[in-house]
Amino acid sequence: MSVAFTQDRDRAHRLCAIVEQRAGRYADDVEEAINNGTLAGRESELLDTFEQHTSSILDRLASSRWPKSHELVFKELYDRKPDHLASECRRTLLVALLAAEVEFHGPLKLTQAQNSDLAAILEELGAECLVEKLHLHAAEAFDRAAEIHLLTRDNIARDRCLYRRNLARQRIERSAGRRALLWISWLTCGYGYKPYRLLLWVLIQLVVFGITLVVVARDQSPLTSLHMVLTNYLNPAGGGDTNGLPAAAKSLLLTESYVGALSLNIFFALLVRRWFR
C-alpha cells in the first residue's frame, strides 16, 4: 500500500469526522425544532445554518488537504446505516446531506462518474427527507441533484429532480392561491416536466364536450355532433356550419375552441422545450 494512498485515506477519515461533528450540531437544532413543533416555521432558518456549516468546513480546506480518490470522499457517511430510533435516522440523514453538499463544493473537480454517483445519492437523501417531513431540505437535495445532472447532461434525470423539488415545495406552500396554481400545474402537466399528461386532459375534454353537445344539440345526429366537436377542437375555423344549432351549442363550441387552442399550445410548447433544450 503506497504512502500517498494511506495519506489520502487518513485525510478522508478526518474529513468525515469534521463533517459528522458539524452535522451532529445541526441535527440537534433540527431535533429541537421538531420537539418544539416549530419545524415548519424554522426550516428556512435552519437551512441558512446548514449553508453556514458547509462554508465553515470548506473554508478550512485547501486542495492540498483534499483526498485524491476515484471514489466519493464521504462514501462511508453515505453508506452508514442508521439505528431504528427516529432521531438517529434523522441525524444520519443530515450527516450524509451535509457531506454531499461539502463534496459538491469541494476544492477538486469531480469526475463524471463521481458526479453521477453524488446525484443519485442526493436523490435518495431527498426522498428520505420527504419521509422525515423535512420538505425544504428535500427540495434543496433535489435541486442540487438537478444541478449535477445538468453537468452530466442527463436531462431526463434533471427533469425528474426538478419535478420532485416542486412537489416538495408544494407541500409547504403557505399561500392558498399559489398552492392552488401549483396543484393545477402538477395535475395537468407535472409542473411542465410531464407534458404528455396533457394528452389525457385533451381526451377528457373531447369526451366532455362531445357528450355535452350531443345532449344540447338533440336535433342533429350524435355522429354529426361528435364529428363537429373533433374538427372544432383541432381547427376552430373549420368546425362546420353552426347556423342550425341552438345558442347553447354555439357557446359550447366557442368555449371548446378556446380550451383546445390553449391546451394544445401549452402541450407543444412544453414538448418543444423538452426535445430541443
C-alpha atoms as a PDB file:
ATOM      1  CA  MET A   1       0.000   0.000   0.000  1.00  0.00           C
ATOM      2  CA  SER A   2       1.544   3.316  -1.096  1.00  0.00           C
ATOM      3  CA  VAL A   3       2.201   6.191   1.295  1.00  0.00           C
ATOM      4  CA  ALA A   4       0.058   8.553  -0.837  1.00  0.00           C
ATOM      5  CA  PHE A   5      -2.911   6.169  -0.677  1.00  0.00           C
ATOM      6  CA  THR A   6      -2.594   5.866   3.091  1.00  0.00           C
ATOM      7  CA  GLN A   7      -2.400   9.639   3.466  1.00  0.00           C
ATOM      8  CA  ASP A   8      -5.488  10.152   1.291  1.00  0.00           C
ATOM      9  CA  ARG A   9      -7.419   7.584   3.304  1.00  0.00           C
ATOM     10  CA  ASP A  10      -6.415   9.274   6.561  1.00  0.00           C
ATOM     11  CA  ARG A  11      -7.478  12.649   5.169  1.00  0.00           C
ATOM     12  CA  ALA A  12     -10.835  11.176   4.159  1.00  0.00           C
ATOM     13  CA  HIS A  13     -11.377   9.821   7.683  1.00  0.00           C
ATOM     14  CA  ARG A  14     -10.504  13.193   9.219  1.00  0.00           C
ATOM     15  CA  LEU A  15     -12.879  14.982   6.844  1.00  0.00           C
ATOM     16  CA  CYS A  16     -15.652  12.526   7.703  1.00  0.00           C
ATOM     17  CA  ALA A  17     -15.089  13.234  11.392  1.00  0.00           C
ATOM     18  CA  ILE A  18     -15.281  17.008  10.810  1.00  0.00           C
ATOM     19  CA  VAL A  19     -18.489  16.718   8.788  1.00  0.00           C
ATOM     20  CA  GLU A  20     -20.040  14.356  11.306  1.00  0.00           C
ATOM     21  CA  GLN A  21     -19.252  16.723  14.168  1.00  0.00           C
ATOM     22  CA  ARG A  22     -20.750  19.737  12.386  1.00  0.00           C
ATOM     23  CA  ALA A  23     -23.763  17.797  11.169  1.00  0.00           C
ATOM     24  CA  GLY A  24     -24.318  16.480  14.683  1.00  0.00           C
ATOM     25  CA  ARG A  25     -24.714  20.030  15.975  1.00  0.00           C
ATOM     26  CA  TYR A  26     -27.075  20.832  13.155  1.00  0.00           C
ATOM     27  CA  ALA A  27     -29.099  17.677  13.793  1.00  0.00           C
ATOM     28  CA  ASP A  28     -29.510  18.755  17.427  1.00  0.00           C
ATOM     29  CA  ASP A  29     -31.024  22.058  16.245  1.00  0.00           C
ATOM     30  CA  VAL A  30     -33.387  20.198  13.909  1.00  0.00           C
ATOM     31  CA  GLU A  31     -34.448  17.810  16.686  1.00  0.00           C
ATOM     32  CA  GLU A  32     -35.115  20.756  18.982  1.00  0.00           C
ATOM     33  CA  ALA A  33     -37.355  22.349  16.336  1.00  0.00           C
ATOM     34  CA  ILE A  34     -39.200  19.054  15.802  1.00  0.00           C
ATOM     35  CA  ASN A  35     -39.727  18.512  19.537  1.00  0.00           C
ATOM     36  CA  ASN A  36     -40.988  22.086  19.947  1.00  0.00           C
ATOM     37  CA  GLY A  37     -43.319  21.789  16.952  1.00  0.00           C
ATOM     38  CA  THR A  38     -41.647  24.730  15.194  1.00  0.00           C
ATOM     39  CA  LEU A  39     -40.001  22.892  12.284  1.00  0.00           C
ATOM     40  CA  ALA A  40     -42.379  24.263   9.620  1.00  0.00           C
ATOM     41  CA  GLY A  41     -41.688  27.843  10.639  1.00  0.00           C
ATOM     42  CA  ARG A  42     -37.958  27.427  11.231  1.00  0.00           C
ATOM     43  CA  GLU A  43     -36.886  25.131   8.394  1.00  0.00           C
ATOM     44  CA  SER A  44     -35.799  28.003   6.151  1.00  0.00           C
ATOM     45  CA  GLU A  45     -33.770  29.479   9.025  1.00  0.00           C
ATOM     46  CA  LEU A  46     -32.248  26.068   9.707  1.00  0.00           C
ATOM     47  CA  LEU A  47     -31.195  25.746   6.069  1.00  0.00           C
ATOM     48  CA  ASP A  48     -29.286  29.026   6.398  1.00  0.00           C
ATOM     49  CA  THR A  49     -27.403  27.460   9.296  1.00  0.00           C
ATOM     50  CA  PHE A  50     -26.818  24.381   7.148  1.00  0.00           C
ATOM     51  CA  GLU A  51     -25.138  26.543   4.497  1.00  0.00           C
ATOM     52  CA  GLN A  52     -23.014  28.224   7.168  1.00  0.00           C
ATOM     53  CA  HIS A  53     -21.774  24.838   8.349  1.00  0.00           C
ATOM     54  CA  THR A  54     -20.909  23.933   4.754  1.00  0.00           C
ATOM     55  CA  SER A  55     -18.995  27.191   4.222  1.00  0.00           C
ATOM     56  CA  SER A  56     -17.178  26.789   7.523  1.00  0.00           C
ATOM     57  CA  ILE A  57     -15.926  23.330   6.569  1.00  0.00           C
ATOM     58  CA  LEU A  58     -14.882  24.439   3.085  1.00  0.00           C
ATOM     59  CA  ASP A  59     -13.046  27.467   4.486  1.00  0.00           C
ATOM     60  CA  ARG A  60     -10.823  25.110   6.488  1.00  0.00           C
ATOM     61  CA  LEU A  61      -9.859  23.086   3.447  1.00  0.00           C
ATOM     62  CA  ALA A  62      -7.454  23.590   0.587  1.00  0.00           C
ATOM     63  CA  SER A  63      -6.884  21.427  -2.453  1.00  0.00           C
ATOM     64  CA  SER A  64      -3.681  20.091  -0.891  1.00  0.00           C
ATOM     65  CA  ARG A  65      -5.665  18.695   2.038  1.00  0.00           C
ATOM     66  CA  TRP A  66      -8.425  17.161  -0.061  1.00  0.00           C
ATOM     67  CA  PRO A  67      -8.017  13.411  -0.733  1.00  0.00           C
ATOM     68  CA  LYS A  68      -7.407  12.459  -4.343  1.00  0.00           C
ATOM     69  CA  SER A  69      -9.646   9.463  -4.987  1.00  0.00           C
ATOM     70  CA  HIS A  70     -11.738   7.926  -7.734  1.00  0.00           C
ATOM     71  CA  GLU A  71     -14.479   7.350  -5.145  1.00  0.00           C
ATOM     72  CA  LEU A  72     -16.504   9.911  -3.273  1.00  0.00           C
ATOM     73  CA  VAL A  73     -14.646  11.231  -0.237  1.00  0.00           C
ATOM     74  CA  PHE A  74     -17.563  10.784   2.167  1.00  0.00           C
ATOM     75  CA  LYS A  75     -18.625   7.369   0.901  1.00  0.00           C
ATOM     76  CA  GLU A  76     -18.608   5.890   4.398  1.00  0.00           C
ATOM     77  CA  LEU A  77     -21.068   8.553   5.580  1.00  0.00           C
ATOM     78  CA  TYR A  78     -23.413   7.875   2.652  1.00  0.00           C
ATOM     79  CA  ASP A  79     -23.298   4.115   3.256  1.00  0.00           C
ATOM     80  CA  ARG A  80     -23.842   4.326   7.008  1.00  0.00           C
ATOM     81  CA  LYS A  81     -26.959   2.537   8.209  1.00  0.00           C
ATOM     82  CA  PRO A  82     -28.933   4.400  10.914  1.00  0.00           C
ATOM     83  CA  ASP A  83     -30.369   2.954  14.093  1.00  0.00           C
ATOM     84  CA  HIS A  84     -34.088   2.343  14.407  1.00  0.00           C
ATOM     85  CA  LEU A  85     -34.595   5.443  16.551  1.00  0.00           C
ATOM     86  CA  ALA A  86     -36.236   8.266  14.588  1.00  0.00           C
ATOM     87  CA  SER A  87     -33.799  10.862  15.938  1.00  0.00           C
ATOM     88  CA  GLU A  88     -30.795   8.747  14.921  1.00  0.00           C
ATOM     89  CA  CYS A  89     -32.253   8.216  11.452  1.00  0.00           C
ATOM     90  CA  ARG A  90     -32.566  11.980  11.030  1.00  0.00           C
ATOM     91  CA  ARG A  91     -29.052  12.519  12.367  1.00  0.00           C
ATOM     92  CA  THR A  92     -27.571  10.009   9.896  1.00  0.00           C
ATOM     93  CA  LEU A  93     -29.595  11.606   7.097  1.00  0.00           C
ATOM     94  CA  LEU A  94     -28.410  15.136   7.904  1.00  0.00           C
ATOM     95  CA  VAL A  95     -24.788  13.977   8.231  1.00  0.00           C
ATOM     96  CA  ALA A  96     -24.983  12.494   4.719  1.00  0.00           C
ATOM     97  CA  LEU A  97     -26.729  15.598   3.387  1.00  0.00           C
ATOM     98  CA  LEU A  98     -24.048  17.937   4.743  1.00  0.00           C
ATOM     99  CA  ALA A  99     -21.342  15.605   3.428  1.00  0.00           C
ATOM    100  CA  ALA A 100     -22.886  15.691  -0.062  1.00  0.00           C
ATOM    101  CA  GLU A 101     -23.029  19.489  -0.011  1.00  0.00           C
ATOM    102  CA  VAL A 102     -19.390  19.744   1.071  1.00  0.00           C
ATOM    103  CA  GLU A 103     -18.375  17.163  -1.531  1.00  0.00           C
ATOM    104  CA  PHE A 104     -20.098  19.072  -4.324  1.00  0.00           C
ATOM    105  CA  HIS A 105     -18.382  22.342  -3.384  1.00  0.00           C
ATOM    106  CA  GLY A 106     -15.012  20.693  -2.627  1.00  0.00           C
ATOM    107  CA  PRO A 107     -11.768  22.180  -3.937  1.00  0.00           C
ATOM    108  CA  LEU A 108     -11.217  19.434  -6.524  1.00  0.00           C
ATOM    109  CA  LYS A 109     -13.389  18.911  -9.590  1.00  0.00           C
ATOM    110  CA  LEU A 110     -15.447  15.718  -9.521  1.00  0.00           C
ATOM    111  CA  THR A 111     -15.266  13.249 -12.393  1.00  0.00           C
ATOM    112  CA  GLN A 112     -18.315  12.330 -14.464  1.00  0.00           C
ATOM    113  CA  ALA A 113     -18.675   9.057 -12.545  1.00  0.00           C
ATOM    114  CA  GLN A 114     -18.392  10.836  -9.196  1.00  0.00           C
ATOM    115  CA  ASN A 115     -20.973  13.415 -10.260  1.00  0.00           C
ATOM    116  CA  SER A 116     -23.395  10.674 -11.318  1.00  0.00           C
ATOM    117  CA  ASP A 117     -22.927   8.840  -8.020  1.00  0.00           C
ATOM    118  CA  LEU A 118     -23.370  12.026  -5.999  1.00  0.00           C
ATOM    119  CA  ALA A 119     -26.543  12.975  -7.884  1.00  0.00           C
ATOM    120  CA  ALA A 120     -28.024   9.529  -7.204  1.00  0.00           C
ATOM    121  CA  ILE A 121     -27.146   9.856  -3.511  1.00  0.00           C
ATOM    122  CA  LEU A 122     -28.758  13.298  -3.324  1.00  0.00           C
ATOM    123  CA  GLU A 123     -31.944  11.961  -4.903  1.00  0.00           C
ATOM    124  CA  GLU A 124     -32.088   9.216  -2.266  1.00  0.00           C
ATOM    125  CA  LEU A 125     -31.433  11.735   0.504  1.00  0.00           C
ATOM    126  CA  GLY A 126     -34.177  13.989  -0.857  1.00  0.00           C
ATOM    127  CA  ALA A 127     -36.652  11.104  -0.781  1.00  0.00           C
ATOM    128  CA  GLU A 128     -35.656  10.302   2.804  1.00  0.00           C
ATOM    129  CA  CYS A 129     -36.087  13.961   3.779  1.00  0.00           C
ATOM    130  CA  LEU A 130     -39.642  13.817   2.466  1.00  0.00           C
ATOM    131  CA  VAL A 131     -40.318  10.804   4.686  1.00  0.00           C
ATOM    132  CA  GLU A 132     -38.983  12.775   7.675  1.00  0.00           C
ATOM    133  CA  LYS A 133     -41.142  15.781   6.633  1.00  0.00           C
ATOM    134  CA  LEU A 134     -38.048  17.921   6.042  1.00  0.00           C
ATOM    135  CA  HIS A 135     -39.597  19.334   2.887  1.00  0.00           C
ATOM    136  CA  LEU A 136     -37.256  22.281   2.314  1.00  0.00           C
ATOM    137  CA  HIS A 137     -34.241  20.033   2.889  1.00  0.00           C
ATOM    138  CA  ALA A 138     -35.713  17.621   0.332  1.00  0.00           C
ATOM    139  CA  ALA A 139     -36.221  20.453  -2.162  1.00  0.00           C
ATOM    140  CA  GLU A 140     -32.597  21.563  -1.720  1.00  0.00           C
ATOM    141  CA  ALA A 141     -31.349  17.994  -2.201  1.00  0.00           C
ATOM    142  CA  PHE A 142     -33.361  17.544  -5.406  1.00  0.00           C
ATOM    143  CA  ASP A 143     -32.267  20.983  -6.643  1.00  0.00           C
ATOM    144  CA  ARG A 144     -28.606  20.104  -6.093  1.00  0.00           C
ATOM    145  CA  ALA A 145     -29.082  16.741  -7.815  1.00  0.00           C
ATOM    146  CA  ALA A 146     -30.680  18.537 -10.783  1.00  0.00           C
ATOM    147  CA  GLU A 147     -27.687  20.879 -10.945  1.00  0.00           C
ATOM    148  CA  ILE A 148     -25.324  17.921 -11.087  1.00  0.00           C
ATOM    149  CA  HIS A 149     -27.412  16.173 -13.742  1.00  0.00           C
ATOM    150  CA  LEU A 150     -27.061  19.345 -15.814  1.00  0.00           C
ATOM    151  CA  LEU A 151     -23.286  18.965 -15.579  1.00  0.00           C
ATOM    152  CA  THR A 152     -23.509  15.356 -16.742  1.00  0.00           C
ATOM    153  CA  ARG A 153     -26.009  16.303 -19.491  1.00  0.00           C
ATOM    154  CA  ASP A 154     -28.643  13.893 -18.200  1.00  0.00           C
ATOM    155  CA  ASN A 155     -31.718  15.990 -18.980  1.00  0.00           C
ATOM    156  CA  ILE A 156     -34.253  13.271 -18.192  1.00  0.00           C
ATOM    157  CA  ALA A 157     -32.829  12.820 -14.695  1.00  0.00           C
ATOM    158  CA  ARG A 158     -32.671  16.593 -14.262  1.00  0.00           C
ATOM    159  CA  ASP A 159     -36.357  16.961 -15.124  1.00  0.00           C
ATOM    160  CA  ARG A 160     -37.169  14.198 -12.655  1.00  0.00           C
ATOM    161  CA  CYS A 161     -35.327  16.011  -9.866  1.00  0.00           C
ATOM    162  CA  LEU A 162     -36.894  19.382 -10.661  1.00  0.00           C
ATOM    163  CA  TYR A 163     -40.329  17.757 -10.696  1.00  0.00           C
ATOM    164  CA  ARG A 164     -39.706  16.239  -7.247  1.00  0.00           C
ATOM    165  CA  ARG A 165     -38.331  19.555  -5.995  1.00  0.00           C
ATOM    166  CA  ASN A 166     -41.528  21.352  -6.963  1.00  0.00           C
ATOM    167  CA  LEU A 167     -43.588  18.576  -5.413  1.00  0.00           C
ATOM    168  CA  ALA A 168     -41.728  19.043  -2.124  1.00  0.00           C
ATOM    169  CA  ARG A 169     -42.195  22.814  -2.183  1.00  0.00           C
ATOM    170  CA  GLN A 170     -45.882  22.487  -2.973  1.00  0.00           C
ATOM    171  CA  ARG A 171     -46.444  20.583   0.276  1.00  0.00           C
ATOM    172  CA  ILE A 172     -45.307  23.513   2.388  1.00  0.00           C
ATOM    173  CA  GLU A 173     -46.604  26.410   0.297  1.00  0.00           C
ATOM    174  CA  ARG A 174     -48.496  28.722   2.664  1.00  0.00           C
ATOM    175  CA  SER A 175     -50.287  30.879   0.108  1.00  0.00           C
ATOM    176  CA  ALA A 176     -53.613  29.267  -0.788  1.00  0.00           C
ATOM    177  CA  GLY A 177     -53.643  30.883  -4.230  1.00  0.00           C
ATOM    178  CA  ARG A 178     -50.149  29.788  -5.143  1.00  0.00           C
ATOM    179  CA  ARG A 179     -50.768  26.328  -3.712  1.00  0.00           C
ATOM    180  CA  ALA A 180     -53.852  26.033  -5.929  1.00  0.00           C
ATOM    181  CA  LEU A 181     -51.862  27.082  -9.008  1.00  0.00           C
ATOM    182  CA  LEU A 182     -49.117  24.584  -8.175  1.00  0.00           C
ATOM    183  CA  TRP A 183     -51.718  21.857  -7.727  1.00  0.00           C
ATOM    184  CA  ILE A 184     -53.276  22.637 -11.109  1.00  0.00           C
ATOM    185  CA  SER A 185     -49.831  22.701 -12.713  1.00  0.00           C
ATOM    186  CA  TRP A 186     -48.999  19.326 -11.151  1.00  0.00           C
ATOM    187  CA  LEU A 187     -52.317  17.809 -12.174  1.00  0.00           C
ATOM    188  CA  THR A 188     -52.289  18.966 -15.793  1.00  0.00           C
ATOM    189  CA  CYS A 189     -48.638  18.747 -16.851  1.00  0.00           C
ATOM    190  CA  GLY A 190     -46.463  17.779 -13.879  1.00  0.00           C
ATOM    191  CA  TYR A 191     -45.154  21.360 -13.401  1.00  0.00           C
ATOM    192  CA  GLY A 192     -44.198  21.335 -17.080  1.00  0.00           C
ATOM    193  CA  TYR A 193     -41.903  18.305 -16.751  1.00  0.00           C
ATOM    194  CA  LYS A 194     -44.561  15.751 -17.791  1.00  0.00           C
ATOM    195  CA  PRO A 195     -46.108  17.281 -20.940  1.00  0.00           C
ATOM    196  CA  TYR A 196     -47.663  14.012 -22.115  1.00  0.00           C
ATOM    197  CA  ARG A 197     -50.022  14.194 -19.144  1.00  0.00           C
ATOM    198  CA  LEU A 198     -51.793  16.965 -21.070  1.00  0.00           C
ATOM    199  CA  LEU A 199     -52.869  14.447 -23.716  1.00  0.00           C
ATOM    200  CA  LEU A 200     -55.025  12.719 -21.123  1.00  0.00           C
ATOM    201  CA  TRP A 201     -56.716  16.045 -20.391  1.00  0.00           C
ATOM    202  CA  VAL A 202     -57.240  16.631 -24.107  1.00  0.00           C
ATOM    203  CA  LEU A 203     -59.011  13.272 -24.304  1.00  0.00           C
ATOM    204  CA  ILE A 204     -61.140  14.128 -21.259  1.00  0.00           C
ATOM    205  CA  GLN A 205     -62.051  17.493 -22.787  1.00  0.00           C
ATOM    206  CA  LEU A 206     -63.131  15.851 -26.065  1.00  0.00           C
ATOM    207  CA  VAL A 207     -65.300  13.347 -24.205  1.00  0.00           C
ATOM    208  CA  VAL A 208     -66.912  16.040 -22.039  1.00  0.00           C
ATOM    209  CA  PHE A 209     -67.574  18.440 -24.922  1.00  0.00           C
ATOM    210  CA  GLY A 210     -68.771  15.610 -27.143  1.00  0.00           C
ATOM    211  CA  ILE A 211     -71.298  14.272 -24.631  1.00  0.00           C
ATOM    212  CA  THR A 212     -72.461  17.778 -23.772  1.00  0.00           C
ATOM    213  CA  LEU A 213     -73.000  18.725 -27.424  1.00  0.00           C
ATOM    214  CA  VAL A 214     -74.949  15.515 -28.064  1.00  0.00           C
ATOM    215  CA  VAL A 215     -77.245  16.437 -25.168  1.00  0.00           C
ATOM    216  CA  VAL A 216     -77.590  20.112 -26.122  1.00  0.00           C
ATOM    217  CA  ALA A 217     -77.984  19.671 -29.902  1.00  0.00           C
ATOM    218  CA  ARG A 218     -80.666  16.990 -29.895  1.00  0.00           C
ATOM    219  CA  ASP A 219     -81.945  17.856 -33.360  1.00  0.00           C
ATOM    220  CA  GLN A 220     -78.811  16.570 -35.096  1.00  0.00           C
ATOM    221  CA  SER A 221     -77.409  13.051 -35.023  1.00  0.00           C
ATOM    222  CA  PRO A 222     -74.835  12.085 -32.320  1.00  0.00           C
ATOM    223  CA  LEU A 223     -72.260  11.217 -35.009  1.00  0.00           C
ATOM    224  CA  THR A 224     -72.582  14.691 -36.510  1.00  0.00           C
ATOM    225  CA  SER A 225     -72.150  16.275 -33.066  1.00  0.00           C
ATOM    226  CA  LEU A 226     -69.072  14.172 -32.303  1.00  0.00           C
ATOM    227  CA  HIS A 227     -67.541  14.999 -35.708  1.00  0.00           C
ATOM    228  CA  MET A 228     -68.193  18.696 -35.096  1.00  0.00           C
ATOM    229  CA  VAL A 229     -66.522  18.529 -31.678  1.00  0.00           C
ATOM    230  CA  LEU A 230     -63.409  16.806 -33.071  1.00  0.00           C
ATOM    231  CA  THR A 231     -62.960  19.191 -36.006  1.00  0.00           C
ATOM    232  CA  ASN A 232     -63.728  22.264 -33.907  1.00  0.00           C
ATOM    233  CA  TYR A 233     -61.181  21.262 -31.251  1.00  0.00           C
ATOM    234  CA  LEU A 234     -58.339  20.907 -33.739  1.00  0.00           C
ATOM    235  CA  ASN A 235     -59.438  23.596 -36.192  1.00  0.00           C
ATOM    236  CA  PRO A 236     -61.933  26.131 -34.777  1.00  0.00           C
ATOM    237  CA  ALA A 237     -62.306  27.842 -38.169  1.00  0.00           C
ATOM    238  CA  GLY A 238     -63.350  24.548 -39.757  1.00  0.00           C
ATOM    239  CA  GLY A 239     -65.968  23.453 -37.287  1.00  0.00           C
ATOM    240  CA  GLY A 240     -68.674  23.281 -39.921  1.00  0.00           C
ATOM    241  CA  ASP A 241     -71.995  25.067 -40.296  1.00  0.00           C
ATOM    242  CA  THR A 242     -73.395  26.071 -36.905  1.00  0.00           C
ATOM    243  CA  ASN A 243     -76.360  28.087 -38.166  1.00  0.00           C
ATOM    244  CA  GLY A 244     -78.885  25.433 -37.256  1.00  0.00           C
ATOM    245  CA  LEU A 245     -77.550  24.892 -33.748  1.00  0.00           C
ATOM    246  CA  PRO A 246     -79.107  26.377 -30.603  1.00  0.00           C
ATOM    247  CA  ALA A 247     -77.307  29.218 -28.836  1.00  0.00           C
ATOM    248  CA  ALA A 248     -76.130  26.900 -26.059  1.00  0.00           C
ATOM    249  CA  ALA A 249     -74.419  24.602 -28.584  1.00  0.00           C
ATOM    250  CA  LYS A 250     -72.713  27.550 -30.309  1.00  0.00           C
ATOM    251  CA  SER A 251     -71.428  28.810 -26.941  1.00  0.00           C
ATOM    252  CA  LEU A 252     -70.191  25.319 -26.142  1.00  0.00           C
ATOM    253  CA  LEU A 253     -68.242  25.069 -29.402  1.00  0.00           C
ATOM    254  CA  LEU A 254     -66.780  28.536 -28.871  1.00  0.00           C
ATOM    255  CA  THR A 255     -65.633  27.553 -25.384  1.00  0.00           C
ATOM    256  CA  GLU A 256     -64.181  24.320 -26.739  1.00  0.00           C
ATOM    257  CA  SER A 257     -62.189  26.176 -29.373  1.00  0.00           C
ATOM    258  CA  TYR A 258     -60.522  28.392 -26.753  1.00  0.00           C
ATOM    259  CA  VAL A 259     -59.859  25.479 -24.393  1.00  0.00           C
ATOM    260  CA  GLY A 260     -58.454  23.371 -27.226  1.00  0.00           C
ATOM    261  CA  ALA A 261     -56.189  26.136 -28.514  1.00  0.00           C
ATOM    262  CA  LEU A 262     -54.841  26.802 -25.020  1.00  0.00           C
ATOM    263  CA  SER A 263     -54.277  23.125 -24.187  1.00  0.00           C
ATOM    264  CA  LEU A 264     -52.574  22.271 -27.475  1.00  0.00           C
ATOM    265  CA  ASN A 265     -50.364  25.369 -27.458  1.00  0.00           C
ATOM    266  CA  ILE A 266     -49.179  24.582 -23.922  1.00  0.00           C
ATOM    267  CA  PHE A 267     -48.573  20.948 -24.887  1.00  0.00           C
ATOM    268  CA  PHE A 268     -46.478  21.765 -27.944  1.00  0.00           C
ATOM    269  CA  ALA A 269     -44.554  24.486 -26.082  1.00  0.00           C
ATOM    270  CA  LEU A 270     -43.626  22.039 -23.319  1.00  0.00           C
ATOM    271  CA  LEU A 271     -42.813  19.352 -25.859  1.00  0.00           C
ATOM    272  CA  VAL A 272     -40.505  21.627 -27.832  1.00  0.00           C
ATOM    273  CA  ARG A 273     -38.810  22.688 -24.602  1.00  0.00           C
ATOM    274  CA  ARG A 274     -38.284  19.037 -23.658  1.00  0.00           C
ATOM    275  CA  TRP A 275     -36.937  17.988 -27.054  1.00  0.00           C
ATOM    276  CA  PHE A 276     -34.781  20.969 -28.060  1.00  0.00           C
ATOM    277  CA  ARG A 277     -33.167  22.261 -24.877  1.00  0.00           C
END
